[in-house]
Amino acid sequence: MDQPVALTILPARKTGAPLLSVVVPCYNERPNVAPLIAKLDAALAGIEWEVIYVDDDSPDGTA
């Protein structure tokens, strides 16, 4: 079985709405969620952004 993926949920920024919303459809992508967040954070440094994962009831625990 896959190892658990540790995620840190950060509090919402108080600067208002994000400038960019990244919508990521996913199915059975559990091991890829945390690395994608880290890469987005590095690529979008200095930009107010959010990521929205749309999971289609993945059986691997993606949600």
PDB file of N, CA and C in Angstrom:
ATOM      1  N   MET A   1       0.848  -1.184   0.000  1.00  0.00           N
ATOM      2  CA  MET A   1       0.000   0.000   0.000  1.00  0.00           C
ATOM      3  C   MET A   1       0.885   1.236   0.000  1.00  0.00           C
ATOM      4  N   ASP A   2       0.401   2.303  -0.588  1.00  0.00           N
ATOM      5  CA  ASP A   2       1.155   3.557  -0.649  1.00  0.00           C
ATOM      6  C   ASP A   2       1.357   4.140   0.740  1.00  0.00           C
ATOM      7  N   GLN A   3       2.469   4.826   0.894  1.00  0.00           N
ATOM      8  CA  GLN A   3       2.746   5.519   2.145  1.00  0.00           C
ATOM      9  C   GLN A   3       1.875   6.765   2.243  1.00  0.00           C
ATOM     10  N   PRO A   4       1.488   7.165   3.454  1.00  0.00           N
ATOM     11  CA  PRO A   4       0.689   8.387   3.603  1.00  0.00           C
ATOM     12  C   PRO A   4       1.464   9.605   3.110  1.00  0.00           C
ATOM     13  N   VAL A   5       0.736  10.544   2.575  1.00  0.00           N
ATOM     14  CA  VAL A   5       1.318  11.796   2.109  1.00  0.00           C
ATOM     15  C   VAL A   5       0.927  12.875   3.104  1.00  0.00           C
ATOM     16  N   ALA A   6       1.919  13.531   3.688  1.00  0.00           N
ATOM     17  CA  ALA A   6       1.649  14.582   4.663  1.00  0.00           C
ATOM     18  C   ALA A   6       1.453  15.907   3.941  1.00  0.00           C
ATOM     19  N   LEU A   7       0.330  16.539   4.176  1.00  0.00           N
ATOM     20  CA  LEU A   7       0.042  17.848   3.592  1.00  0.00           C
ATOM     21  C   LEU A   7      -0.144  18.860   4.705  1.00  0.00           C
ATOM     22  N   THR A   8       0.262  20.057   4.463  1.00  0.00           N
ATOM     23  CA  THR A   8       0.036  21.143   5.402  1.00  0.00           C
ATOM     24  C   THR A   8      -0.962  22.091   4.768  1.00  0.00           C
ATOM     25  N   ILE A   9      -2.070  22.300   5.445  1.00  0.00           N
ATOM     26  CA  ILE A   9      -3.071  23.241   4.948  1.00  0.00           C
ATOM     27  C   ILE A   9      -2.767  24.589   5.576  1.00  0.00           C
ATOM     28  N   LEU A  10      -2.445  25.528   4.735  1.00  0.00           N
ATOM     29  CA  LEU A  10      -2.096  26.858   5.209  1.00  0.00           C
ATOM     30  C   LEU A  10      -3.344  27.710   5.341  1.00  0.00           C
ATOM     31  N   PRO A  11      -3.358  28.629   6.308  1.00  0.00           N
ATOM     32  CA  PRO A  11      -4.518  29.508   6.435  1.00  0.00           C
ATOM     33  C   PRO A  11      -4.646  30.419   5.222  1.00  0.00           C
ATOM     34  N   ALA A  12      -5.854  30.802   4.933  1.00  0.00           N
ATOM     35  CA  ALA A  12      -6.103  31.701   3.803  1.00  0.00           C
ATOM     36  C   ALA A  12      -5.416  33.038   4.054  1.00  0.00           C
ATOM     37  N   ARG A  13      -4.885  33.603   3.002  1.00  0.00           N
ATOM     38  CA  ARG A  13      -4.275  34.923   3.118  1.00  0.00           C
ATOM     39  C   ARG A  13      -5.371  35.962   3.276  1.00  0.00           C
ATOM     40  N   LYS A  14      -5.058  37.017   3.974  1.00  0.00           N
ATOM     41  CA  LYS A  14      -6.052  38.048   4.248  1.00  0.00           C
ATOM     42  C   LYS A  14      -5.971  39.205   3.265  1.00  0.00           C
ATOM     43  N   THR A  15      -5.402  38.981   2.105  1.00  0.00           N
ATOM     44  CA  THR A  15      -5.240  40.058   1.133  1.00  0.00           C
ATOM     45  C   THR A  15      -6.363  40.086   0.110  1.00  0.00           C
ATOM     46  N   GLY A  16      -7.382  39.287   0.297  1.00  0.00           N
ATOM     47  CA  GLY A  16      -8.480  39.270  -0.660  1.00  0.00           C
ATOM     48  C   GLY A  16      -8.409  38.072  -1.577  1.00  0.00           C
ATOM     49  N   ALA A  17      -9.089  38.184  -2.681  1.00  0.00           N
ATOM     50  CA  ALA A  17      -9.170  37.081  -3.635  1.00  0.00           C
ATOM     51  C   ALA A  17      -7.819  36.840  -4.300  1.00  0.00           C
ATOM     52  N   PRO A  18      -7.517  35.584  -4.601  1.00  0.00           N
ATOM     53  CA  PRO A  18      -6.259  35.305  -5.292  1.00  0.00           C
ATOM     54  C   PRO A  18      -6.275  35.854  -6.710  1.00  0.00           C
ATOM     55  N   LEU A  19      -5.106  36.157  -7.211  1.00  0.00           N
ATOM     56  CA  LEU A  19      -4.964  36.633  -8.579  1.00  0.00           C
ATOM     57  C   LEU A  19      -5.134  35.481  -9.567  1.00  0.00           C
ATOM     58  N   LEU A  20      -4.765  34.276  -9.123  1.00  0.00           N
ATOM     59  CA  LEU A  20      -4.782  33.110  -9.999  1.00  0.00           C
ATOM     60  C   LEU A  20      -5.374  31.912  -9.270  1.00  0.00           C
ATOM     61  N   SER A  21      -6.283  31.212  -9.928  1.00  0.00           N
ATOM     62  CA  SER A  21      -6.810  29.946  -9.420  1.00  0.00           C
ATOM     63  C   SER A  21      -6.367  28.847 -10.371  1.00  0.00           C
ATOM     64  N   VAL A  22      -5.752  27.814  -9.823  1.00  0.00           N
ATOM     65  CA  VAL A  22      -5.304  26.669 -10.615  1.00  0.00           C
ATOM     66  C   VAL A  22      -6.245  25.516 -10.295  1.00  0.00           C
ATOM     67  N   VAL A  23      -6.973  25.046 -11.295  1.00  0.00           N
ATOM     68  CA  VAL A  23      -7.913  23.943 -11.112  1.00  0.00           C
ATOM     69  C   VAL A  23      -7.255  22.678 -11.646  1.00  0.00           C
ATOM     70  N   VAL A  24      -7.168  21.663 -10.779  1.00  0.00           N
ATOM     71  CA  VAL A  24      -6.481  20.427 -11.139  1.00  0.00           C
ATOM     72  C   VAL A  24      -7.453  19.256 -11.032  1.00  0.00           C
ATOM     73  N   PRO A  25      -7.916  18.730 -12.165  1.00  0.00           N
ATOM     74  CA  PRO A  25      -8.726  17.519 -12.106  1.00  0.00           C
ATOM     75  C   PRO A  25      -7.804  16.340 -11.783  1.00  0.00           C
ATOM     76  N   CYS A  26      -8.253  15.462 -10.900  1.00  0.00           N
ATOM     77  CA  CYS A  26      -7.379  14.347 -10.548  1.00  0.00           C
ATOM     78  C   CYS A  26      -8.180  13.082 -10.243  1.00  0.00           C
ATOM     79  N   TYR A  27      -7.540  11.972 -10.521  1.00  0.00           N
ATOM     80  CA  TYR A  27      -8.090  10.655 -10.215  1.00  0.00           C
ATOM     81  C   TYR A  27      -6.900   9.734  -9.943  1.00  0.00           C
ATOM     82  N   ASN A  28      -6.861   9.185  -8.746  1.00  0.00           N
ATOM     83  CA  ASN A  28      -5.745   8.325  -8.320  1.00  0.00           C
ATOM     84  C   ASN A  28      -4.401   9.047  -8.441  1.00  0.00           C
ATOM     85  N   GLU A  29      -4.342  10.250  -7.913  1.00  0.00           N
ATOM     86  CA  GLU A  29      -3.128  11.067  -7.978  1.00  0.00           C
ATOM     87  C   GLU A  29      -2.556  11.354  -6.599  1.00  0.00           C
ATOM     88  N   ARG A  30      -2.882  10.539  -5.622  1.00  0.00           N
ATOM     89  CA  ARG A  30      -2.465  10.799  -4.245  1.00  0.00           C
ATOM     90  C   ARG A  30      -0.978  11.119  -4.102  1.00  0.00           C
ATOM     91  N   PRO A  31      -0.069  10.333  -4.684  1.00  0.00           N
ATOM     92  CA  PRO A  31       1.353  10.642  -4.481  1.00  0.00           C
ATOM     93  C   PRO A  31       1.819  11.910  -5.204  1.00  0.00           C
ATOM     94  N   ASN A  32       0.993  12.452  -6.073  1.00  0.00           N
ATOM     95  CA  ASN A  32       1.399  13.623  -6.857  1.00  0.00           C
ATOM     96  C   ASN A  32       0.863  14.948  -6.324  1.00  0.00           C
ATOM     97  N   VAL A  33      -0.053  14.894  -5.359  1.00  0.00           N
ATOM     98  CA  VAL A  33      -0.683  16.119  -4.860  1.00  0.00           C
ATOM     99  C   VAL A  33       0.336  17.030  -4.175  1.00  0.00           C
ATOM    100  N   ALA A  34       1.057  16.520  -3.199  1.00  0.00           N
ATOM    101  CA  ALA A  34       2.021  17.350  -2.462  1.00  0.00           C
ATOM    102  C   ALA A  34       3.142  17.875  -3.364  1.00  0.00           C
ATOM    103  N   PRO A  35       3.743  17.043  -4.232  1.00  0.00           N
ATOM    104  CA  PRO A  35       4.782  17.587  -5.116  1.00  0.00           C
ATOM    105  C   PRO A  35       4.266  18.683  -6.049  1.00  0.00           C
ATOM    106  N   LEU A  36       3.035  18.551  -6.523  1.00  0.00           N
ATOM    107  CA  LEU A  36       2.488  19.587  -7.400  1.00  0.00           C
ATOM    108  C   LEU A  36       2.321  20.898  -6.645  1.00  0.00           C
ATOM    109  N   ILE A  37       1.839  20.837  -5.414  1.00  0.00           N
ATOM    110  CA  ILE A  37       1.691  22.060  -4.617  1.00  0.00           C
ATOM    111  C   ILE A  37       3.050  22.730  -4.430  1.00  0.00           C
ATOM    112  N   ALA A  38       4.069  21.946  -4.116  1.00  0.00           N
ATOM    113  CA  ALA A  38       5.412  22.511  -3.923  1.00  0.00           C
ATOM    114  C   ALA A  38       5.927  23.164  -5.204  1.00  0.00           C
ATOM    115  N   LYS A  39       5.706  22.524  -6.340  1.00  0.00           N
ATOM    116  CA  LYS A  39       6.172  23.090  -7.614  1.00  0.00           C
ATOM    117  C   LYS A  39       5.394  24.341  -7.996  1.00  0.00           C
ATOM    118  N   LEU A  40       4.088  24.333  -7.745  1.00  0.00           N
ATOM    119  CA  LEU A  40       3.291  25.531  -8.014  1.00  0.00           C
ATOM    120  C   LEU A  40       3.748  26.683  -7.126  1.00  0.00           C
ATOM    121  N   ASP A  41       4.002  26.390  -5.857  1.00  0.00           N
ATOM    122  CA  ASP A  41       4.435  27.421  -4.920  1.00  0.00           C
ATOM    123  C   ASP A  41       5.749  28.050  -5.381  1.00  0.00           C
ATOM    124  N   ALA A  42       6.670  27.233  -5.853  1.00  0.00           N
ATOM    125  CA  ALA A  42       7.950  27.760  -6.338  1.00  0.00           C
ATOM    126  C   ALA A  42       7.770  28.553  -7.631  1.00  0.00           C
ATOM    127  N   ALA A  43       6.964  28.037  -8.535  1.00  0.00           N
ATOM    128  CA  ALA A  43       6.778  28.692  -9.835  1.00  0.00           C
ATOM    129  C   ALA A  43       5.981  29.984  -9.729  1.00  0.00           C
ATOM    130  N   LEU A  44       5.089  30.052  -8.753  1.00  0.00           N
ATOM    131  CA  LEU A  44       4.201  31.208  -8.633  1.00  0.00           C
ATOM    132  C   LEU A  44       4.570  32.113  -7.461  1.00  0.00           C
ATOM    133  N   ALA A  45       5.808  32.055  -7.029  1.00  0.00           N
ATOM    134  CA  ALA A  45       6.264  32.887  -5.913  1.00  0.00           C
ATOM    135  C   ALA A  45       5.969  34.353  -6.206  1.00  0.00           C
ATOM    136  N   GLY A  46       5.409  35.030  -5.227  1.00  0.00           N
ATOM    137  CA  GLY A  46       5.091  36.443  -5.379  1.00  0.00           C
ATOM    138  C   GLY A  46       3.725  36.717  -5.970  1.00  0.00           C
ATOM    139  N   ILE A  47       3.003  35.676  -6.346  1.00  0.00           N
ATOM    140  CA  ILE A  47       1.659  35.819  -6.917  1.00  0.00           C
ATOM    141  C   ILE A  47       0.651  35.242  -5.928  1.00  0.00           C
ATOM    142  N   GLU A  48      -0.430  35.956  -5.712  1.00  0.00           N
ATOM    143  CA  GLU A  48      -1.509  35.420  -4.880  1.00  0.00           C
ATOM    144  C   GLU A  48      -2.236  34.351  -5.692  1.00  0.00           C
ATOM    145  N   TRP A  49      -2.207  33.101  -5.232  1.00  0.00           N
ATOM    146  CA  TRP A  49      -2.811  32.017  -5.997  1.00  0.00           C
ATOM    147  C   TRP A  49      -3.462  31.014  -5.058  1.00  0.00           C
ATOM    148  N   GLU A  50      -4.276  30.173  -5.654  1.00  0.00           N
ATOM    149  CA  GLU A  50      -4.895  29.070  -4.921  1.00  0.00           C
ATOM    150  C   GLU A  50      -4.950  27.869  -5.854  1.00  0.00           C
ATOM    151  N   VAL A  51      -4.998  26.689  -5.263  1.00  0.00           N
ATOM    152  CA  VAL A  51      -5.160  25.480  -6.070  1.00  0.00           C
ATOM    153  C   VAL A  51      -6.457  24.804  -5.637  1.00  0.00           C
ATOM    154  N   ILE A  52      -7.219  24.375  -6.615  1.00  0.00           N
ATOM    155  CA  ILE A  52      -8.483  23.684  -6.371  1.00  0.00           C
ATOM    156  C   ILE A  52      -8.363  22.307  -7.016  1.00  0.00           C
ATOM    157  N   TYR A  53      -8.353  21.281  -6.178  1.00  0.00           N
ATOM    158  CA  TYR A  53      -8.313  19.914  -6.690  1.00  0.00           C
ATOM    159  C   TYR A  53      -9.733  19.414  -6.854  1.00  0.00           C
ATOM    160  N   VAL A  54     -10.033  18.868  -8.014  1.00  0.00           N
ATOM    161  CA  VAL A  54     -11.343  18.279  -8.293  1.00  0.00           C
ATOM    162  C   VAL A  54     -11.110  16.781  -8.427  1.00  0.00           C
ATOM    163  N   ASP A  55     -11.471  16.052  -7.369  1.00  0.00           N
ATOM    164  CA  ASP A  55     -11.223  14.615  -7.324  1.00  0.00           C
ATOM    165  C   ASP A  55     -12.496  13.860  -7.673  1.00  0.00           C
ATOM    166  N   ASP A  56     -12.376  12.892  -8.554  1.00  0.00           N
ATOM    167  CA  ASP A  56     -13.525  12.111  -9.010  1.00  0.00           C
ATOM    168  C   ASP A  56     -13.644  10.807  -8.220  1.00  0.00           C
ATOM    169  N   ASP A  57     -13.724  10.933  -6.877  1.00  0.00           N
ATOM    170  CA  ASP A  57     -13.911   9.781  -5.983  1.00  0.00           C
ATOM    171  C   ASP A  57     -12.804   8.741  -6.153  1.00  0.00           C
ATOM    172  N   SER A  58     -11.570   9.190  -6.115  1.00  0.00           N
ATOM    173  CA  SER A  58     -10.432   8.282  -6.264  1.00  0.00           C
ATOM    174  C   SER A  58     -10.415   7.234  -5.157  1.00  0.00           C
ATOM    175  N   PRO A  59     -10.203   5.970  -5.499  1.00  0.00           N
ATOM    176  CA  PRO A  59     -10.129   4.936  -4.478  1.00  0.00           C
ATOM    177  C   PRO A  59      -8.781   4.899  -3.755  1.00  0.00           C
ATOM    178  N   ASP A  60      -7.803   5.684  -4.201  1.00  0.00           N
ATOM    179  CA  ASP A  60      -6.478   5.656  -3.583  1.00  0.00           C
ATOM    180  C   ASP A  60      -6.327   6.654  -2.441  1.00  0.00           C
ATOM    181  N   GLY A  61      -7.387   7.372  -2.091  1.00  0.00           N
ATOM    182  CA  GLY A  61      -7.307   8.333  -0.996  1.00  0.00           C
ATOM    183  C   GLY A  61      -6.813   9.701  -1.423  1.00  0.00           C
ATOM    184  N   THR A  62      -6.919  10.029  -2.683  1.00  0.00           N
ATOM    185  CA  THR A  62      -6.492  11.345  -3.163  1.00  0.00           C
ATOM    186  C   THR A  62      -7.207  12.461  -2.415  1.00  0.00           C
ATOM    187  N   ALA A  63      -8.497  12.314  -2.195  1.00  0.00           N
ATOM    188  CA  ALA A  63      -9.292  13.371  -1.554  1.00  0.00           C
ATOM    189  C   ALA A  63      -8.956  13.515  -0.093  1.00  0.00           C
TER     190      ALA A  63
END
